[in-house]
C-alpha atoms as a PDB file:
ATOM      1  CA  MET A   1      27.128   0.100  -3.065  1.00  0.00           C
ATOM      2  CA  ARG A   2      24.344  -2.461  -2.727  1.00  0.00           C
ATOM      3  CA  TYR A   3      22.606  -3.864   0.285  1.00  0.00           C
ATOM      4  CA  LEU A   4      19.737  -6.186   1.100  1.00  0.00           C
ATOM      5  CA  SER A   5      16.767  -5.223   3.198  1.00  0.00           C
ATOM      6  CA  THR A   6      13.717  -7.043   4.489  1.00  0.00           C
ATOM      7  CA  CYS A   7      10.357  -5.394   3.938  1.00  0.00           C
ATOM      8  CA  VAL A   8       7.565  -6.554   6.225  1.00  0.00           C
ATOM      9  CA  ILE A   9       3.983  -5.863   5.150  1.00  0.00           C
ATOM     10  CA  MET A  10       1.012  -6.587   7.393  1.00  0.00           C
ATOM     11  CA  ARG A  11      -2.079  -7.660   5.446  1.00  0.00           C
ATOM     12  CA  LYS A  12      -5.184  -8.468   7.469  1.00  0.00           C
ATOM     13  CA  MET A  13      -3.220 -10.195  10.229  1.00  0.00           C
ATOM     14  CA  LYS A  14      -0.870 -11.886   7.745  1.00  0.00           C
ATOM     15  CA  LYS A  15       2.758 -10.814   7.736  1.00  0.00           C
ATOM     16  CA  LEU A  16       4.672 -10.920   4.458  1.00  0.00           C
ATOM     17  CA  GLU A  17       8.436 -10.868   4.738  1.00  0.00           C
ATOM     18  CA  LEU A  18       9.992  -9.861   1.433  1.00  0.00           C
ATOM     19  CA  GLN A  19      13.644  -9.452   0.448  1.00  0.00           C
ATOM     20  CA  THR A  20      14.654  -6.219  -1.248  1.00  0.00           C
ATOM     21  CA  ILE A  21      17.950  -5.154  -2.784  1.00  0.00           C
ATOM     22  CA  VAL A  22      18.881  -1.475  -3.010  1.00  0.00           C
ATOM     23  CA  TRP A  23      21.590   0.121  -5.131  1.00  0.00           C
ATOM     24  CA  ARG A  24      22.596   3.527  -6.453  1.00  0.00           C
ATOM     25  CA  GLU A  25      21.996   4.198 -10.130  1.00  0.00           C
ATOM     26  CA  GLY A  26      23.117   7.681 -11.169  1.00  0.00           C
ATOM     27  CA  LYS A  27      21.535  10.161  -8.767  1.00  0.00           C
ATOM     28  CA  GLN A  28      18.754   7.791  -7.707  1.00  0.00           C
ATOM     29  CA  TRP A  29      18.548   4.777  -5.408  1.00  0.00           C
ATOM     30  CA  VAL A  30      16.721   1.750  -6.850  1.00  0.00           C
ATOM     31  CA  ALA A  31      14.888  -0.796  -4.681  1.00  0.00           C
ATOM     32  CA  GLN A  32      13.979  -4.165  -6.233  1.00  0.00           C
ATOM     33  CA  CYS A  33      11.936  -6.851  -4.478  1.00  0.00           C
ATOM     34  CA  LEU A  34      13.477 -10.295  -4.981  1.00  0.00           C
ATOM     35  CA  ASN A  35      10.252 -12.208  -4.221  1.00  0.00           C
ATOM     36  CA  VAL A  36       8.006 -10.527  -6.800  1.00  0.00           C
ATOM     37  CA  ASP A  37       8.701  -8.315  -9.814  1.00  0.00           C
ATOM     38  CA  VAL A  38       8.220  -4.910  -8.152  1.00  0.00           C
ATOM     39  CA  SER A  39      10.722  -2.063  -7.999  1.00  0.00           C
ATOM     40  CA  SER A  40      10.815   1.619  -7.115  1.00  0.00           C
ATOM     41  CA  PHE A  41      13.332   4.410  -6.637  1.00  0.00           C
ATOM     42  CA  GLY A  42      14.074   7.605  -4.731  1.00  0.00           C
ATOM     43  CA  PRO A  43      16.810  10.183  -4.141  1.00  0.00           C
ATOM     44  CA  THR A  44      17.937   8.417  -0.935  1.00  0.00           C
ATOM     45  CA  GLN A  45      18.064   4.820   0.287  1.00  0.00           C
ATOM     46  CA  LYS A  46      15.418   5.636   2.866  1.00  0.00           C
ATOM     47  CA  SER A  47      13.031   7.092   0.295  1.00  0.00           C
ATOM     48  CA  ALA A  48      13.626   4.200  -2.129  1.00  0.00           C
ATOM     49  CA  LEU A  49      12.709   1.728   0.650  1.00  0.00           C
ATOM     50  CA  LYS A  50       9.648   3.792   1.592  1.00  0.00           C
ATOM     51  CA  ASN A  51       8.576   3.852  -2.057  1.00  0.00           C
ATOM     52  CA  ILE A  52       9.090   0.095  -2.567  1.00  0.00           C
ATOM     53  CA  ARG A  53       6.995  -0.591   0.525  1.00  0.00           C
ATOM     54  CA  GLU A  54       4.163   1.524  -0.912  1.00  0.00           C
ATOM     55  CA  ALA A  55       4.521  -0.155  -4.328  1.00  0.00           C
ATOM     56  CA  LEU A  56       4.401  -3.610  -2.704  1.00  0.00           C
ATOM     57  CA  GLU A  57       1.319  -2.689  -0.668  1.00  0.00           C
ATOM     58  CA  LEU A  58      -0.400  -1.626  -3.898  1.00  0.00           C
ATOM     59  CA  TYR A  59       0.821  -4.776  -5.678  1.00  0.00           C
ATOM     60  CA  PHE A  60      -0.723  -7.036  -3.029  1.00  0.00           C
ATOM     61  CA  GLU A  61      -3.929  -5.005  -2.706  1.00  0.00           C
ATOM     62  CA  GLY A  62      -6.769  -7.365  -3.561  1.00  0.00           C
ATOM     63  CA  VAL A  63      -4.373 -10.210  -4.399  1.00  0.00           C
ATOM     64  CA  SER A  64      -3.976 -13.378  -2.388  1.00  0.00           C
ATOM     65  CA  PRO A  65      -0.239 -13.780  -1.686  1.00  0.00           C
ATOM     66  CA  LEU A  66      -0.417 -17.559  -1.325  1.00  0.00           C
ATOM     67  CA  LYS A  67       2.435 -18.449  -3.649  1.00  0.00           C
ATOM     68  CA  ILE A  68       5.107 -15.882  -2.981  1.00  0.00           C
ATOM     69  CA  PRO A  69       8.538 -17.414  -3.569  1.00  0.00           C
ATOM     70  CA  GLN A  70      10.705 -17.278  -0.465  1.00  0.00           C
ATOM     71  CA  VAL A  71      14.203 -15.917  -0.935  1.00  0.00           C
ATOM     72  CA  LYS A  72      16.597 -17.234   1.675  1.00  0.00           C
ATOM     73  CA  SER A  73      20.156 -16.023   2.077  1.00  0.00           C
ATOM     74  CA  PRO A  74      20.448 -14.060  -1.176  1.00  0.00           C
ATOM     75  CA  ALA A  75      23.973 -13.343  -2.349  1.00  0.00           C
ATOM     76  CA  ILE A  76      25.185 -10.877  -4.940  1.00  0.00           C
ATOM     77  CA  ARG A  77      27.528 -12.355  -7.509  1.00  0.00           C
ATOM     78  CA  SER A  78      29.091 -10.890 -10.624  1.00  0.00           C
ATOM     79  CA  THR A  79      28.433 -12.378 -14.035  1.00  0.00           C
ATOM     80  CA  VAL A  80      30.953 -11.676 -16.773  1.00  0.00           C
ATOM     81  CA  LEU A  81      29.814 -11.751 -20.385  1.00  0.00           C
ATOM     82  CA  GLN A  82      31.862 -11.384 -23.528  1.00  0.00           C
ATOM     83  CA  HIS A  83      30.126  -9.076 -25.926  1.00  0.00           C
ATOM     84  CA  VAL A  84      31.118  -8.584 -29.533  1.00  0.00           C
END
């Protein structure tokens, strides 16, 4: 099961809206931000999203988020590879 979530971070009166995907991997839930290369995990979806929010806040601490790529209407698609 996978689902997309929007994480909103307020930074000195500037709102960052980031897209996050969450999926189960073994006993943990993984949260991956699609806008920047930041991920986190937790035992529940809720905790994984809480942890990714904290990780993103730390990522943007002291950094100017001027060139954050916007992700609009992300879709999950399967890719099939043939492996020898």
